[in-house]
Structure formats: structure tokens, C-alpha cells
């Protein structure tokens, strides 16, 4: 049978209880005798890569001279016609 811990004791002994769960001993935290949560060891399934938004993937392209597009016009706005 799984161990049930009241919420006050869980707060008081959290580190010890986490160690129990990590070592394969899950437990239930209860409030006023009513089971609230099940605490179990976390089992990572591998590193998850964040998914990037790609709704325009393959539909647009960035020109090689992107960083210098309109440079002449912009320089004229700030420097005038010298």
C-alpha cells in the first residue's frame, strides 16, 4: 500500500519525501484526509527541442544582400547629399 502524508507533514519534511520518491517510493499528499496529489519520480524521456513556428517555411527566402538593402537611401536620409 502506498504511503499517505498529510500536507503539513509534507511541507515539514519535503526534502526527505522527495528523496523517497526519487528512490522509487511514490506517495500521496492528503489534505484533511482527502488524497490531493500523487508524488512520483520524474523520468525524463530525452531532451525535447522547442518547436519553432514555421508556417512560412519554404515560402520565403532572404536575399544574400539583406543587410545592405537600401543602404544608399538610408545614408542619404541621415547624411544628406554630400
N, C-alpha and C. Protein backbone atom coordinates (compact mmCIF):
# COMPACT_ATOMS: atom_id res chain seq x y z
N UNK A 1 0.84 -1.18 0.00
CA UNK A 1 0.00 0.00 0.00
C UNK A 1 0.89 1.25 0.00
N UNK A 2 0.48 2.26 -0.76
CA UNK A 2 1.24 3.49 -0.89
C UNK A 2 1.09 4.37 0.35
N UNK A 3 2.19 4.99 0.73
CA UNK A 3 2.21 5.87 1.91
C UNK A 3 1.41 7.14 1.63
N UNK A 4 0.61 7.58 2.63
CA UNK A 4 -0.13 8.83 2.54
C UNK A 4 0.41 9.78 3.61
N UNK A 5 0.74 11.00 3.18
CA UNK A 5 1.32 12.01 4.06
C UNK A 5 0.38 13.20 4.10
N UNK A 6 0.11 13.73 5.32
CA UNK A 6 -0.74 14.93 5.34
C UNK A 6 0.09 16.13 4.89
N UNK A 7 -0.59 17.14 4.40
CA UNK A 7 0.07 18.27 3.75
C UNK A 7 1.01 19.01 4.70
N UNK A 8 0.66 19.10 5.97
CA UNK A 8 1.53 19.78 6.93
C UNK A 8 2.85 19.02 7.09
N UNK A 9 2.77 17.70 7.23
CA UNK A 9 3.99 16.90 7.33
C UNK A 9 4.81 16.95 6.03
N UNK A 10 4.11 17.01 4.90
CA UNK A 10 4.80 17.09 3.62
C UNK A 10 5.62 18.38 3.53
N UNK A 11 5.04 19.49 4.00
CA UNK A 11 5.79 20.76 3.99
C UNK A 11 6.98 20.69 4.93
N UNK A 12 6.79 20.06 6.08
CA UNK A 12 7.84 19.99 7.08
C UNK A 12 9.00 19.09 6.64
N UNK A 13 8.69 18.01 5.92
CA UNK A 13 9.70 17.02 5.56
C UNK A 13 9.87 16.88 4.05
N UNK A 14 9.72 17.96 3.33
CA UNK A 14 9.73 17.90 1.87
C UNK A 14 10.99 17.27 1.30
N UNK A 15 12.16 17.66 1.76
CA UNK A 15 13.41 17.12 1.22
C UNK A 15 13.47 15.60 1.38
N UNK A 16 13.11 15.12 2.55
CA UNK A 16 13.13 13.68 2.82
C UNK A 16 12.13 12.95 1.93
N UNK A 17 10.96 13.54 1.75
CA UNK A 17 9.92 12.91 0.93
C UNK A 17 10.31 12.89 -0.55
N UNK A 18 10.96 13.96 -1.00
CA UNK A 18 11.42 13.98 -2.39
C UNK A 18 12.45 12.87 -2.60
N UNK A 19 13.33 12.69 -1.63
CA UNK A 19 14.32 11.60 -1.73
C UNK A 19 13.62 10.25 -1.83
N UNK A 20 12.55 10.04 -1.07
CA UNK A 20 11.80 8.79 -1.15
C UNK A 20 11.27 8.56 -2.57
N UNK A 21 10.66 9.60 -3.13
CA UNK A 21 10.09 9.48 -4.48
C UNK A 21 11.19 9.21 -5.51
N UNK A 22 12.30 9.91 -5.38
CA UNK A 22 13.42 9.71 -6.32
C UNK A 22 13.93 8.27 -6.24
N UNK A 23 13.88 7.70 -5.05
CA UNK A 23 14.35 6.32 -4.86
C UNK A 23 13.27 5.28 -5.14
N UNK A 24 12.21 5.69 -5.82
CA UNK A 24 11.19 4.74 -6.27
C UNK A 24 10.08 4.47 -5.28
N UNK A 25 9.89 5.33 -4.29
CA UNK A 25 8.80 5.15 -3.33
C UNK A 25 7.79 6.29 -3.48
N UNK A 26 6.83 6.16 -4.41
CA UNK A 26 5.84 7.22 -4.58
C UNK A 26 4.96 7.33 -3.34
N UNK A 27 4.35 8.49 -3.17
CA UNK A 27 3.46 8.70 -2.03
C UNK A 27 2.37 9.68 -2.41
N UNK A 28 1.35 9.73 -1.56
CA UNK A 28 0.20 10.61 -1.77
C UNK A 28 0.23 11.69 -0.71
N UNK A 29 -0.04 12.93 -1.10
CA UNK A 29 -0.20 14.02 -0.15
C UNK A 29 -1.70 14.25 0.00
N UNK A 30 -2.15 14.26 1.27
CA UNK A 30 -3.57 14.41 1.55
C UNK A 30 -3.82 15.68 2.37
N UNK A 31 -5.00 16.23 2.22
CA UNK A 31 -5.43 17.40 3.00
C UNK A 31 -6.74 17.02 3.68
N UNK A 32 -6.75 17.10 4.99
CA UNK A 32 -7.92 16.71 5.79
C UNK A 32 -8.35 15.28 5.46
N UNK A 33 -7.35 14.42 5.23
CA UNK A 33 -7.63 13.01 4.95
C UNK A 33 -8.02 12.72 3.52
N UNK A 34 -8.17 13.76 2.69
CA UNK A 34 -8.57 13.56 1.29
C UNK A 34 -7.32 13.58 0.41
N UNK A 35 -7.06 12.52 -0.35
CA UNK A 35 -5.89 12.48 -1.24
C UNK A 35 -5.95 13.63 -2.25
N UNK A 36 -4.83 14.36 -2.37
CA UNK A 36 -4.79 15.52 -3.27
C UNK A 36 -3.86 15.29 -4.46
N UNK A 37 -2.64 14.80 -4.20
CA UNK A 37 -1.67 14.62 -5.28
C UNK A 37 -0.87 13.34 -5.07
N UNK A 38 -0.41 12.79 -6.17
CA UNK A 38 0.49 11.65 -6.16
C UNK A 38 1.87 12.17 -6.52
N UNK A 39 2.87 11.87 -5.70
CA UNK A 39 4.24 12.32 -5.97
C UNK A 39 5.04 11.10 -6.41
N UNK A 40 5.60 11.19 -7.62
CA UNK A 40 6.41 10.09 -8.16
C UNK A 40 7.71 10.65 -8.71
N UNK A 41 8.66 9.76 -8.95
CA UNK A 41 9.94 10.14 -9.53
C UNK A 41 9.72 10.60 -10.98
N UNK A 42 10.42 11.67 -11.36
CA UNK A 42 10.36 12.18 -12.73
C UNK A 42 11.28 11.34 -13.59
N UNK A 43 10.76 10.87 -14.71
CA UNK A 43 11.53 10.04 -15.64
C UNK A 43 11.68 10.80 -16.96
N UNK A 44 12.80 11.51 -17.15
CA UNK A 44 12.97 12.24 -18.41
C UNK A 44 13.03 11.27 -19.58
N UNK A 45 12.40 11.65 -20.67
CA UNK A 45 12.36 10.79 -21.86
C UNK A 45 13.35 11.24 -22.92
N UNK A 46 14.19 12.17 -22.59
CA UNK A 46 15.14 12.72 -23.56
C UNK A 46 14.93 14.20 -23.68
N UNK A 47 15.90 14.85 -24.27
CA UNK A 47 15.81 16.30 -24.41
C UNK A 47 14.82 16.65 -25.50
N UNK A 48 13.90 17.54 -25.16
CA UNK A 48 12.88 17.97 -26.12
C UNK A 48 13.31 19.29 -26.72
N UNK A 49 13.39 19.32 -28.04
CA UNK A 49 13.72 20.56 -28.73
C UNK A 49 12.47 21.42 -28.83
N UNK A 50 12.62 22.72 -28.56
CA UNK A 50 11.45 23.58 -28.73
C UNK A 50 11.02 23.62 -30.20
N UNK A 51 9.74 23.58 -30.41
CA UNK A 51 9.22 23.60 -31.78
C UNK A 51 9.15 25.04 -32.26
N UNK A 52 9.69 25.29 -33.41
CA UNK A 52 9.69 26.65 -33.97
C UNK A 52 8.49 26.83 -34.87
N UNK A 53 7.99 28.02 -34.83
CA UNK A 53 6.88 28.35 -35.72
C UNK A 53 7.42 28.35 -37.14
N UNK A 54 6.78 27.64 -38.02
CA UNK A 54 7.29 27.54 -39.38
C UNK A 54 6.21 27.59 -40.43
N UNK A 55 5.20 28.42 -40.23
CA UNK A 55 4.10 28.43 -41.18
C UNK A 55 4.49 28.97 -42.55
N UNK A 56 5.62 29.69 -42.66
CA UNK A 56 6.09 30.19 -43.96
C UNK A 56 7.31 29.43 -44.45
N UNK A 57 7.62 28.31 -43.81
CA UNK A 57 8.79 27.53 -44.15
C UNK A 57 8.76 27.14 -45.64
N UNK A 58 9.81 27.50 -46.36
CA UNK A 58 9.90 27.19 -47.77
C UNK A 58 9.15 28.15 -48.69
N UNK A 59 8.44 29.12 -48.15
CA UNK A 59 7.66 30.03 -48.96
C UNK A 59 8.33 31.39 -49.15
N UNK A 60 9.33 31.68 -48.33
CA UNK A 60 10.05 32.94 -48.47
C UNK A 60 11.55 32.66 -48.42
N UNK A 61 12.31 33.62 -48.91
CA UNK A 61 13.76 33.49 -48.82
C UNK A 61 14.35 34.87 -48.52
N UNK A 62 15.50 34.86 -47.88
CA UNK A 62 16.17 36.10 -47.53
C UNK A 62 17.32 36.28 -48.51
N UNK A 63 17.37 37.43 -49.23
CA UNK A 63 18.44 37.64 -50.20
C UNK A 63 19.80 37.75 -49.50
N UNK A 64 20.85 37.39 -50.23
CA UNK A 64 22.20 37.45 -49.66
C UNK A 64 22.61 38.85 -49.24
N UNK A 65 22.08 39.88 -49.92
CA UNK A 65 22.46 41.26 -49.59
C UNK A 65 21.45 41.92 -48.64
N UNK A 66 20.74 41.13 -47.87
CA UNK A 66 19.71 41.64 -46.97
C UNK A 66 20.24 42.73 -46.05
N UNK A 67 21.44 42.55 -45.49
CA UNK A 67 21.99 43.50 -44.53
C UNK A 67 22.34 44.85 -45.16
N UNK A 68 22.42 44.91 -46.46
CA UNK A 68 22.78 46.18 -47.10
C UNK A 68 21.67 46.73 -48.00
N UNK A 69 20.51 46.08 -48.00
CA UNK A 69 19.40 46.57 -48.82
C UNK A 69 19.02 47.99 -48.42
N UNK A 70 18.91 48.88 -49.38
CA UNK A 70 18.51 50.26 -49.13
C UNK A 70 19.55 51.10 -48.41
N UNK A 71 20.77 50.59 -48.33
CA UNK A 71 21.83 51.31 -47.59
C UNK A 71 22.06 52.71 -48.14
N UNK A 72 22.12 52.85 -49.44
CA UNK A 72 22.38 54.15 -50.05
C UNK A 72 21.28 55.14 -49.69
N UNK A 73 20.03 54.71 -49.80
CA UNK A 73 18.92 55.59 -49.49
C UNK A 73 18.90 55.97 -48.01
N UNK A 74 19.20 55.05 -47.15
CA UNK A 74 19.22 55.32 -45.71
C UNK A 74 20.35 56.29 -45.36
N UNK A 75 21.52 56.10 -45.95
CA UNK A 75 22.63 57.01 -45.70
C UNK A 75 22.29 58.42 -46.15
N UNK A 76 21.59 58.53 -47.27
CA UNK A 76 21.21 59.86 -47.76
C UNK A 76 20.21 60.54 -46.80
N UNK A 77 19.34 59.76 -46.19
CA UNK A 77 18.38 60.33 -45.23
C UNK A 77 19.09 60.91 -44.02
N UNK A 78 20.17 60.25 -43.57
CA UNK A 78 20.86 60.69 -42.36
C UNK A 78 22.03 61.64 -42.65
N UNK A 79 22.65 61.47 -43.77
CA UNK A 79 23.85 62.27 -44.06
C UNK A 79 23.58 63.36 -45.09
N UNK A 80 22.47 63.30 -45.77
CA UNK A 80 22.20 64.28 -46.81
C UNK A 80 22.97 63.97 -48.06
N UNK A 81 22.89 64.83 -49.02
CA UNK A 81 23.62 64.65 -50.27
C UNK A 81 24.97 65.33 -50.16
N UNK A 82 25.96 64.60 -49.77
CA UNK A 82 27.31 65.19 -49.61
C UNK A 82 28.13 65.00 -50.84
